[in-house]
């Protein structure tokens, strides 16, 4: 899987182009359903709410919300450099 709870991630693809490039906070793994294409994450948009579709009518805008679900494959975590004791010193040339 790409993400884990607590990660910040970019939306790399979505049926709504305005969601692509948005940053979300990954909240929790969504319970699997029989016809799932892969693992889904419950996420919260950072900033303004984003559009989402109705499960019964994919691709049709159902509304806007701060929280929704994305497939793991639709997200890329934002990774930083891990800080260890050796990396705390300033690097100079």
PDB file of N, CA and C in Angstrom:
ATOM      1  N   UNK A   1       0.837  -1.182   0.000  1.00  0.00           N
ATOM      2  CA  UNK A   1       0.000   0.000   0.000  1.00  0.00           C
ATOM      3  C   UNK A   1       0.881   1.243   0.000  1.00  0.00           C
ATOM      4  N   UNK A   2       0.362   2.307  -0.582  1.00  0.00           N
ATOM      5  CA  UNK A   2       1.085   3.572  -0.659  1.00  0.00           C
ATOM      6  C   UNK A   2       1.031   4.354   0.649  1.00  0.00           C
ATOM      7  N   UNK A   3      -0.134   4.361   1.295  1.00  0.00           N
ATOM      8  CA  UNK A   3      -0.374   5.252   2.427  1.00  0.00           C
ATOM      9  C   UNK A   3      -0.600   4.498   3.722  1.00  0.00           C
ATOM     10  N   UNK A   4      -0.580   5.276   4.806  1.00  0.00           N
ATOM     11  CA  UNK A   4      -0.934   4.748   6.127  1.00  0.00           C
ATOM     12  C   UNK A   4      -1.637   5.869   6.886  1.00  0.00           C
ATOM     13  N   UNK A   5      -2.407   5.542   7.916  1.00  0.00           N
ATOM     14  CA  UNK A   5      -3.106   6.579   8.675  1.00  0.00           C
ATOM     15  C   UNK A   5      -2.134   7.631   9.209  1.00  0.00           C
ATOM     16  N   UNK A   6      -2.539   8.887   9.095  1.00  0.00           N
ATOM     17  CA  UNK A   6      -1.717   9.992   9.556  1.00  0.00           C
ATOM     18  C   UNK A   6      -0.888  10.638   8.466  1.00  0.00           C
ATOM     19  N   UNK A   7      -0.733   9.964   7.312  1.00  0.00           N
ATOM     20  CA  UNK A   7       0.030  10.530   6.203  1.00  0.00           C
ATOM     21  C   UNK A   7      -0.699  11.729   5.593  1.00  0.00           C
ATOM     22  N   UNK A   8       0.071  12.650   5.040  1.00  0.00           N
ATOM     23  CA  UNK A   8      -0.450  13.622   4.093  1.00  0.00           C
ATOM     24  C   UNK A   8      -0.139  13.054   2.721  1.00  0.00           C
ATOM     25  N   UNK A   9      -1.074  13.220   1.783  1.00  0.00           N
ATOM     26  CA  UNK A   9      -0.881  12.638   0.455  1.00  0.00           C
ATOM     27  C   UNK A   9      -1.453  13.562  -0.610  1.00  0.00           C
ATOM     28  N   UNK A  10      -0.906  13.444  -1.827  1.00  0.00           N
ATOM     29  CA  UNK A  10      -1.447  14.115  -3.005  1.00  0.00           C
ATOM     30  C   UNK A  10      -2.451  13.180  -3.665  1.00  0.00           C
ATOM     31  N   UNK A  11      -3.527  13.756  -4.197  1.00  0.00           N
ATOM     32  CA  UNK A  11      -4.437  13.000  -5.054  1.00  0.00           C
ATOM     33  C   UNK A  11      -3.806  13.030  -6.443  1.00  0.00           C
ATOM     34  N   UNK A  12      -3.434  11.857  -6.978  1.00  0.00           N
ATOM     35  CA  UNK A  12      -2.756  11.829  -8.282  1.00  0.00           C
ATOM     36  C   UNK A  12      -3.712  11.592  -9.444  1.00  0.00           C
ATOM     37  N   UNK A  13      -4.884  11.026  -9.171  1.00  0.00           N
ATOM     38  CA  UNK A  13      -5.900  10.898 -10.217  1.00  0.00           C
ATOM     39  C   UNK A  13      -7.259  10.727  -9.561  1.00  0.00           C
ATOM     40  N   UNK A  14      -8.268  11.268 -10.239  1.00  0.00           N
ATOM     41  CA  UNK A  14      -9.634  11.185  -9.731  1.00  0.00           C
ATOM     42  C   UNK A  14     -10.580  11.436 -10.891  1.00  0.00           C
ATOM     43  N   UNK A  15     -11.822  11.021 -10.731  1.00  0.00           N
ATOM     44  CA  UNK A  15     -12.808  11.273 -11.772  1.00  0.00           C
ATOM     45  C   UNK A  15     -13.123  12.765 -11.894  1.00  0.00           C
ATOM     46  N   UNK A  16     -12.820  13.544 -10.850  1.00  0.00           N
ATOM     47  CA  UNK A  16     -12.996  14.991 -10.879  1.00  0.00           C
ATOM     48  C   UNK A  16     -11.617  15.640 -10.970  1.00  0.00           C
ATOM     49  N   UNK A  17     -11.255  16.190 -12.124  1.00  0.00           N
ATOM     50  CA  UNK A  17      -9.911  16.753 -12.303  1.00  0.00           C
ATOM     51  C   UNK A  17      -9.540  17.801 -11.259  1.00  0.00           C
ATOM     52  N   UNK A  18     -10.526  18.516 -10.715  1.00  0.00           N
ATOM     53  CA  UNK A  18     -10.202  19.543  -9.724  1.00  0.00           C
ATOM     54  C   UNK A  18      -9.667  18.958  -8.419  1.00  0.00           C
ATOM     55  N   UNK A  19      -9.837  17.653  -8.199  1.00  0.00           N
ATOM     56  CA  UNK A  19      -9.261  17.012  -7.014  1.00  0.00           C
ATOM     57  C   UNK A  19      -7.791  16.635  -7.214  1.00  0.00           C
ATOM     58  N   UNK A  20      -7.373  16.481  -8.458  1.00  0.00           N
ATOM     59  CA  UNK A  20      -5.990  16.072  -8.729  1.00  0.00           C
ATOM     60  C   UNK A  20      -5.017  17.153  -8.267  1.00  0.00           C
ATOM     61  N   UNK A  21      -4.021  16.738  -7.504  1.00  0.00           N
ATOM     62  CA  UNK A  21      -3.052  17.672  -6.950  1.00  0.00           C
ATOM     63  C   UNK A  21      -3.433  18.189  -5.575  1.00  0.00           C
ATOM     64  N   UNK A  22      -4.662  17.919  -5.144  1.00  0.00           N
ATOM     65  CA  UNK A  22      -5.087  18.357  -3.805  1.00  0.00           C
ATOM     66  C   UNK A  22      -4.356  17.537  -2.749  1.00  0.00           C
ATOM     67  N   UNK A  23      -4.187  18.120  -1.579  1.00  0.00           N
ATOM     68  CA  UNK A  23      -3.558  17.424  -0.461  1.00  0.00           C
ATOM     69  C   UNK A  23      -4.642  16.969   0.495  1.00  0.00           C
ATOM     70  N   UNK A  24      -4.506  15.722   0.937  1.00  0.00           N
ATOM     71  CA  UNK A  24      -5.456  15.139   1.887  1.00  0.00           C
ATOM     72  C   UNK A  24      -4.692  14.553   3.072  1.00  0.00           C
ATOM     73  N   UNK A  25      -5.381  14.455   4.189  1.00  0.00           N
ATOM     74  CA  UNK A  25      -4.862  13.735   5.350  1.00  0.00           C
ATOM     75  C   UNK A  25      -5.501  12.358   5.342  1.00  0.00           C
ATOM     76  N   UNK A  26      -4.691  11.312   5.405  1.00  0.00           N
ATOM     77  CA  UNK A  26      -5.199   9.939   5.409  1.00  0.00           C
ATOM     78  C   UNK A  26      -5.655   9.618   6.827  1.00  0.00           C
ATOM     79  N   UNK A  27      -6.939   9.279   6.970  1.00  0.00           N
ATOM     80  CA  UNK A  27      -7.521   9.050   8.288  1.00  0.00           C
ATOM     81  C   UNK A  27      -7.515   7.584   8.695  1.00  0.00           C
ATOM     82  N   UNK A  28      -8.107   6.731   7.865  1.00  0.00           N
ATOM     83  CA  UNK A  28      -8.238   5.316   8.228  1.00  0.00           C
ATOM     84  C   UNK A  28      -8.544   4.492   6.986  1.00  0.00           C
ATOM     85  N   UNK A  29      -8.254   3.202   7.075  1.00  0.00           N
ATOM     86  CA  UNK A  29      -8.601   2.270   6.004  1.00  0.00           C
ATOM     87  C   UNK A  29     -10.110   2.066   6.033  1.00  0.00           C
ATOM     88  N   UNK A  30     -10.731   2.174   4.884  1.00  0.00           N
ATOM     89  CA  UNK A  30     -12.175   1.996   4.783  1.00  0.00           C
ATOM     90  C   UNK A  30     -12.496   0.508   4.763  1.00  0.00           C
ATOM     91  N   UNK A  31     -13.561   0.074   5.442  1.00  0.00           N
ATOM     92  CA  UNK A  31     -13.913  -1.349   5.424  1.00  0.00           C
ATOM     93  C   UNK A  31     -14.116  -1.838   3.989  1.00  0.00           C
ATOM     94  N   UNK A  32     -13.552  -2.996   3.648  1.00  0.00           N
ATOM     95  CA  UNK A  32     -13.674  -3.503   2.273  1.00  0.00           C
ATOM     96  C   UNK A  32     -15.107  -3.886   1.926  1.00  0.00           C
ATOM     97  N   UNK A  33     -15.427  -3.722   0.652  1.00  0.00           N
ATOM     98  CA  UNK A  33     -16.719  -4.153   0.140  1.00  0.00           C
ATOM     99  C   UNK A  33     -16.464  -5.173  -0.955  1.00  0.00           C
ATOM    100  N   UNK A  34     -17.467  -5.923  -1.290  1.00  0.00           N
ATOM    101  CA  UNK A  34     -17.334  -7.048  -2.217  1.00  0.00           C
ATOM    102  C   UNK A  34     -16.754  -6.667  -3.567  1.00  0.00           C
ATOM    103  N   UNK A  35     -17.163  -5.532  -4.123  1.00  0.00           N
ATOM    104  CA  UNK A  35     -16.737  -5.162  -5.475  1.00  0.00           C
ATOM    105  C   UNK A  35     -15.630  -4.114  -5.495  1.00  0.00           C
ATOM    106  N   UNK A  36     -14.901  -3.942  -4.392  1.00  0.00           N
ATOM    107  CA  UNK A  36     -13.828  -2.956  -4.328  1.00  0.00           C
ATOM    108  C   UNK A  36     -12.711  -3.290  -5.311  1.00  0.00           C
ATOM    109  N   UNK A  37     -12.142  -2.243  -5.914  1.00  0.00           N
ATOM    110  CA  UNK A  37     -11.028  -2.381  -6.853  1.00  0.00           C
ATOM    111  C   UNK A  37      -9.697  -2.452  -6.118  1.00  0.00           C
ATOM    112  N   UNK A  38      -9.698  -2.229  -4.850  1.00  0.00           N
ATOM    113  CA  UNK A  38      -8.489  -2.215  -4.039  1.00  0.00           C
ATOM    114  C   UNK A  38      -8.787  -1.548  -2.711  1.00  0.00           C
ATOM    115  N   UNK A  39      -7.781  -1.370  -1.878  1.00  0.00           N
ATOM    116  CA  UNK A  39      -8.042  -0.736  -0.588  1.00  0.00           C
ATOM    117  C   UNK A  39      -8.399   0.745  -0.751  1.00  0.00           C
ATOM    118  N   UNK A  40      -9.411   1.168  -0.020  1.00  0.00           N
ATOM    119  CA  UNK A  40      -9.841   2.564   0.014  1.00  0.00           C
ATOM    120  C   UNK A  40      -9.424   3.184   1.333  1.00  0.00           C
ATOM    121  N   UNK A  41      -9.059   4.455   1.281  1.00  0.00           N
ATOM    122  CA  UNK A  41      -8.738   5.218   2.478  1.00  0.00           C
ATOM    123  C   UNK A  41      -9.789   6.292   2.706  1.00  0.00           C
ATOM    124  N   UNK A  42     -10.172   6.450   3.963  1.00  0.00           N
ATOM    125  CA  UNK A  42     -10.983   7.596   4.351  1.00  0.00           C
ATOM    126  C   UNK A  42     -10.004   8.757   4.516  1.00  0.00           C
ATOM    127  N   UNK A  43     -10.297   9.877   3.866  1.00  0.00           N
ATOM    128  CA  UNK A  43      -9.376  11.013   3.877  1.00  0.00           C
ATOM    129  C   UNK A  43     -10.126  12.301   4.203  1.00  0.00           C
ATOM    130  N   UNK A  44      -9.360  13.316   4.599  1.00  0.00           N
ATOM    131  CA  UNK A  44      -9.892  14.662   4.833  1.00  0.00           C
ATOM    132  C   UNK A  44      -9.105  15.632   3.957  1.00  0.00           C
ATOM    133  N   UNK A  45      -9.823  16.420   3.142  1.00  0.00           N
ATOM    134  CA  UNK A  45      -9.171  17.430   2.321  1.00  0.00           C
ATOM    135  C   UNK A  45      -8.556  18.494   3.216  1.00  0.00           C
ATOM    136  N   UNK A  46      -7.362  18.948   2.853  1.00  0.00           N
ATOM    137  CA  UNK A  46      -6.736  20.077   3.524  1.00  0.00           C
ATOM    138  C   UNK A  46      -7.203  21.320   2.771  1.00  0.00           C
ATOM    139  N   UNK A  47      -7.850  22.235   3.461  1.00  0.00           N
ATOM    140  CA  UNK A  47      -8.383  23.443   2.820  1.00  0.00           C
ATOM    141  C   UNK A  47      -9.853  23.263   2.503  1.00  0.00           C
ATOM    142  N   UNK A  48     -10.220  23.637   1.304  1.00  0.00           N
ATOM    143  CA  UNK A  48     -11.623  23.636   0.886  1.00  0.00           C
ATOM    144  C   UNK A  48     -12.147  22.216   0.649  1.00  0.00           C
ATOM    145  N   UNK A  49     -13.458  22.023   0.825  1.00  0.00           N
ATOM    146  CA  UNK A  49     -14.056  20.718   0.506  1.00  0.00           C
ATOM    147  C   UNK A  49     -13.848  20.362  -0.961  1.00  0.00           C
ATOM    148  N   UNK A  50     -13.881  19.072  -1.251  1.00  0.00           N
ATOM    149  CA  UNK A  50     -13.724  18.602  -2.621  1.00  0.00           C
ATOM    150  C   UNK A  50     -14.987  17.903  -3.106  1.00  0.00           C
ATOM    151  N   UNK A  51     -15.172  17.814  -4.425  1.00  0.00           N
ATOM    152  CA  UNK A  51     -16.341  17.129  -4.968  1.00  0.00           C
ATOM    153  C   UNK A  51     -16.221  15.618  -4.794  1.00  0.00           C
ATOM    154  N   UNK A  52     -17.354  14.980  -4.674  1.00  0.00           N
ATOM    155  CA  UNK A  52     -17.381  13.518  -4.615  1.00  0.00           C
ATOM    156  C   UNK A  52     -18.596  13.040  -5.389  1.00  0.00           C
ATOM    157  N   UNK A  53     -18.595  11.753  -5.746  1.00  0.00           N
ATOM    158  CA  UNK A  53     -19.717  11.219  -6.508  1.00  0.00           C
ATOM    159  C   UNK A  53     -20.542  10.278  -5.645  1.00  0.00           C
ATOM    160  N   UNK A  54     -21.758  10.096  -6.072  1.00  0.00           N
ATOM    161  CA  UNK A  54     -22.677   9.168  -5.421  1.00  0.00           C
ATOM    162  C   UNK A  54     -22.286   7.754  -5.856  1.00  0.00           C
ATOM    163  N   UNK A  55     -22.216   6.817  -4.921  1.00  0.00           N
ATOM    164  CA  UNK A  55     -21.840   5.436  -5.254  1.00  0.00           C
ATOM    165  C   UNK A  55     -22.762   4.852  -6.318  1.00  0.00           C
ATOM    166  N   UNK A  56     -24.025   5.276  -6.342  1.00  0.00           N
ATOM    167  CA  UNK A  56     -24.978   4.726  -7.306  1.00  0.00           C
ATOM    168  C   UNK A  56     -24.817   5.326  -8.701  1.00  0.00           C
ATOM    169  N   UNK A  57     -24.193   6.496  -8.784  1.00  0.00           N
ATOM    170  CA  UNK A  57     -24.029   7.175 -10.059  1.00  0.00           C
ATOM    171  C   UNK A  57     -22.598   7.671 -10.196  1.00  0.00           C
ATOM    172  N   UNK A  58     -21.624   6.759 -10.393  1.00  0.00           N
ATOM    173  CA  UNK A  58     -20.220   7.181 -10.506  1.00  0.00           C
ATOM    174  C   UNK A  58     -20.037   8.229 -11.594  1.00  0.00           C
ATOM    175  N   UNK A  59     -19.192   9.210 -11.308  1.00  0.00           N
ATOM    176  CA  UNK A  59     -18.908  10.266 -12.267  1.00  0.00           C
ATOM    177  C   UNK A  59     -19.844  11.450 -12.173  1.00  0.00           C
ATOM    178  N   UNK A  60     -20.981  11.280 -11.500  1.00  0.00           N
ATOM    179  CA  UNK A  60     -21.901  12.395 -11.319  1.00  0.00           C
ATOM    180  C   UNK A  60     -21.644  13.026  -9.959  1.00  0.00           C
ATOM    181  N   UNK A  61     -21.524  14.324  -9.952  1.00  0.00           N
ATOM    182  CA  UNK A  61     -21.229  15.050  -8.724  1.00  0.00           C
ATOM    183  C   UNK A  61     -22.407  14.943  -7.753  1.00  0.00           C
ATOM    184  N   UNK A  62     -22.126  14.450  -6.550  1.00  0.00           N
ATOM    185  CA  UNK A  62     -23.166  14.342  -5.532  1.00  0.00           C
ATOM    186  C   UNK A  62     -23.105  15.528  -4.580  1.00  0.00           C
ATOM    187  N   UNK A  63     -21.944  16.143  -4.476  1.00  0.00           N
ATOM    188  CA  UNK A  63     -21.801  17.279  -3.574  1.00  0.00           C
ATOM    189  C   UNK A  63     -20.343  17.531  -3.262  1.00  0.00           C
ATOM    190  N   UNK A  64     -20.118  18.345  -2.251  1.00  0.00           N
ATOM    191  CA  UNK A  64     -18.780  18.676  -1.776  1.00  0.00           C
ATOM    192  C   UNK A  64     -18.705  18.320  -0.299  1.00  0.00           C
ATOM    193  N   UNK A  65     -17.561  17.833   0.130  1.00  0.00           N
ATOM    194  CA  UNK A  65     -17.386  17.489   1.530  1.00  0.00           C
ATOM    195  C   UNK A  65     -15.906  17.585   1.872  1.00  0.00           C
ATOM    196  N   UNK A  66     -15.611  17.726   3.160  1.00  0.00           N
ATOM    197  CA  UNK A  66     -14.216  17.728   3.607  1.00  0.00           C
ATOM    198  C   UNK A  66     -13.660  16.320   3.701  1.00  0.00           C
ATOM    199  N   UNK A  67     -14.543  15.321   3.868  1.00  0.00           N
ATOM    200  CA  UNK A  67     -14.087  13.935   3.999  1.00  0.00           C
ATOM    201  C   UNK A  67     -14.721  13.078   2.916  1.00  0.00           C
ATOM    202  N   UNK A  68     -13.925  12.152   2.385  1.00  0.00           N
ATOM    203  CA  UNK A  68     -14.410  11.205   1.386  1.00  0.00           C
ATOM    204  C   UNK A  68     -13.458  10.028   1.362  1.00  0.00           C
ATOM    205  N   UNK A  69     -13.557   9.168   0.355  1.00  0.00           N
ATOM    206  CA  UNK A  69     -12.684   7.998   0.230  1.00  0.00           C
ATOM    207  C   UNK A  69     -11.975   8.021  -1.120  1.00  0.00           C
ATOM    208  N   UNK A  70     -10.720   7.561  -1.113  1.00  0.00           N
ATOM    209  CA  UNK A  70      -9.947   7.387  -2.338  1.00  0.00           C
ATOM    210  C   UNK A  70      -9.295   6.018  -2.308  1.00  0.00           C
ATOM    211  N   UNK A  71      -9.142   5.424  -3.489  1.00  0.00           N
ATOM    212  CA  UNK A  71      -8.356   4.206  -3.603  1.00  0.00           C
ATOM    213  C   UNK A  71      -6.908   4.510  -3.236  1.00  0.00           C
ATOM    214  N   UNK A  72      -6.228   3.545  -2.656  1.00  0.00           N
ATOM    215  CA  UNK A  72      -4.817   3.705  -2.339  1.00  0.00           C
ATOM    216  C   UNK A  72      -4.033   4.081  -3.592  1.00  0.00           C
ATOM    217  N   UNK A  73      -4.392   3.517  -4.741  1.00  0.00           N
ATOM    218  CA  UNK A  73      -3.700   3.785  -5.999  1.00  0.00           C
ATOM    219  C   UNK A  73      -3.910   5.219  -6.489  1.00  0.00           C
ATOM    220  N   UNK A  74      -4.889   5.944  -5.947  1.00  0.00           N
ATOM    221  CA  UNK A  74      -5.145   7.325  -6.344  1.00  0.00           C
ATOM    222  C   UNK A  74      -4.334   8.322  -5.520  1.00  0.00           C
ATOM    223  N   UNK A  75      -3.596   7.831  -4.525  1.00  0.00           N
ATOM    224  CA  UNK A  75      -2.883   8.702  -3.593  1.00  0.00           C
ATOM    225  C   UNK A  75      -1.382   8.447  -3.617  1.00  0.00           C
ATOM    226  N   UNK A  76      -0.597   9.496  -3.401  1.00  0.00           N
ATOM    227  CA  UNK A  76       0.844   9.383  -3.213  1.00  0.00           C
ATOM    228  C   UNK A  76       1.194  10.119  -1.938  1.00  0.00           C
ATOM    229  N   UNK A  77       1.787   9.407  -0.976  1.00  0.00           N
ATOM    230  CA  UNK A  77       2.135  10.069   0.276  1.00  0.00           C
ATOM    231  C   UNK A  77       3.216  11.123   0.066  1.00  0.00           C
ATOM    232  N   UNK A  78       3.167  12.146   0.905  1.00  0.00           N
ATOM    233  CA  UNK A  78       4.191  13.186   0.901  1.00  0.00           C
ATOM    234  C   UNK A  78       5.207  12.764   1.945  1.00  0.00           C
ATOM    235  N   UNK A  79       6.384  12.382   1.479  1.00  0.00           N
ATOM    236  CA  UNK A  79       7.412  11.873   2.376  1.00  0.00           C
ATOM    237  C   UNK A  79       8.468  12.933   2.626  1.00  0.00           C
ATOM    238  N   UNK A  80       8.872  13.030   3.867  1.00  0.00           N
ATOM    239  CA  UNK A  80       9.977  13.911   4.208  1.00  0.00           C
ATOM    240  C   UNK A  80      11.217  13.077   4.458  1.00  0.00           C
ATOM    241  N   UNK A  81      12.299  13.723   4.715  1.00  0.00           N
ATOM    242  CA  UNK A  81      13.536  13.033   5.039  1.00  0.00           C
ATOM    243  C   UNK A  81      13.515  12.717   6.525  1.00  0.00           C
ATOM    244  N   UNK A  82      13.736  11.463   6.914  1.00  0.00           N
ATOM    245  CA  UNK A  82      13.741  11.149   8.335  1.00  0.00           C
ATOM    246  C   UNK A  82      14.905  11.864   9.033  1.00  0.00           C
ATOM    247  N   UNK A  83      14.628  12.382  10.206  1.00  0.00           N
ATOM    248  CA  UNK A  83      15.652  13.094  10.958  1.00  0.00           C
ATOM    249  C   UNK A  83      16.247  12.159  11.993  1.00  0.00           C
ATOM    250  N   UNK A  84      17.556  11.982  11.914  1.00  0.00           N
ATOM    251  CA  UNK A  84      18.270  11.198  12.920  1.00  0.00           C
ATOM    252  C   UNK A  84      19.317  12.101  13.534  1.00  0.00           C
ATOM    253  N   UNK A  85      19.990  11.625  14.532  1.00  0.00           N
ATOM    254  CA  UNK A  85      21.005  12.411  15.222  1.00  0.00           C
ATOM    255  C   UNK A  85      22.076  12.906  14.253  1.00  0.00           C
ATOM    256  N   UNK A  86      22.471  12.075  13.288  1.00  0.00           N
ATOM    257  CA  UNK A  86      23.522  12.441  12.347  1.00  0.00           C
ATOM    258  C   UNK A  86      23.065  13.535  11.378  1.00  0.00           C
ATOM    259  N   UNK A  87      21.756  13.614  11.080  1.00  0.00           N
ATOM    260  CA  UNK A  87      21.252  14.548  10.089  1.00  0.00           C
ATOM    261  C   UNK A  87      20.824  15.878  10.685  1.00  0.00           C
ATOM    262  N   UNK A  88      20.967  16.089  11.949  1.00  0.00           N
ATOM    263  CA  UNK A  88      20.541  17.338  12.567  1.00  0.00           C
ATOM    264  C   UNK A  88      21.540  18.459  12.357  1.00  0.00           C
ATOM    265  N   UNK A  89      22.790  18.130  12.115  1.00  0.00           N
ATOM    266  CA  UNK A  89      23.793  19.161  11.929  1.00  0.00           C
ATOM    267  C   UNK A  89      23.610  19.846  10.582  1.00  0.00           C
ATOM    268  N   UNK A  90      23.948  21.108  10.540  1.00  0.00           N
ATOM    269  CA  UNK A  90      23.862  21.872   9.299  1.00  0.00           C
ATOM    270  C   UNK A  90      24.947  21.408   8.343  1.00  0.00           C
ATOM    271  N   UNK A  91      24.582  21.297   7.090  1.00  0.00           N
ATOM    272  CA  UNK A  91      25.544  20.908   6.073  1.00  0.00           C
ATOM    273  C   UNK A  91      26.108  22.179   5.461  1.00  0.00           C
ATOM    274  N   UNK A  92      27.421  22.298   5.455  1.00  0.00           N
ATOM    275  CA  UNK A  92      28.063  23.470   4.852  1.00  0.00           C
ATOM    276  C   UNK A  92      29.060  23.019   3.800  1.00  0.00           C
ATOM    277  N   UNK A  93      29.302  23.865   2.840  1.00  0.00           N
ATOM    278  CA  UNK A  93      30.236  23.527   1.765  1.00  0.00           C
ATOM    279  C   UNK A  93      31.605  24.087   2.033  1.00  0.00           C
TER     280      UNK A  93
END
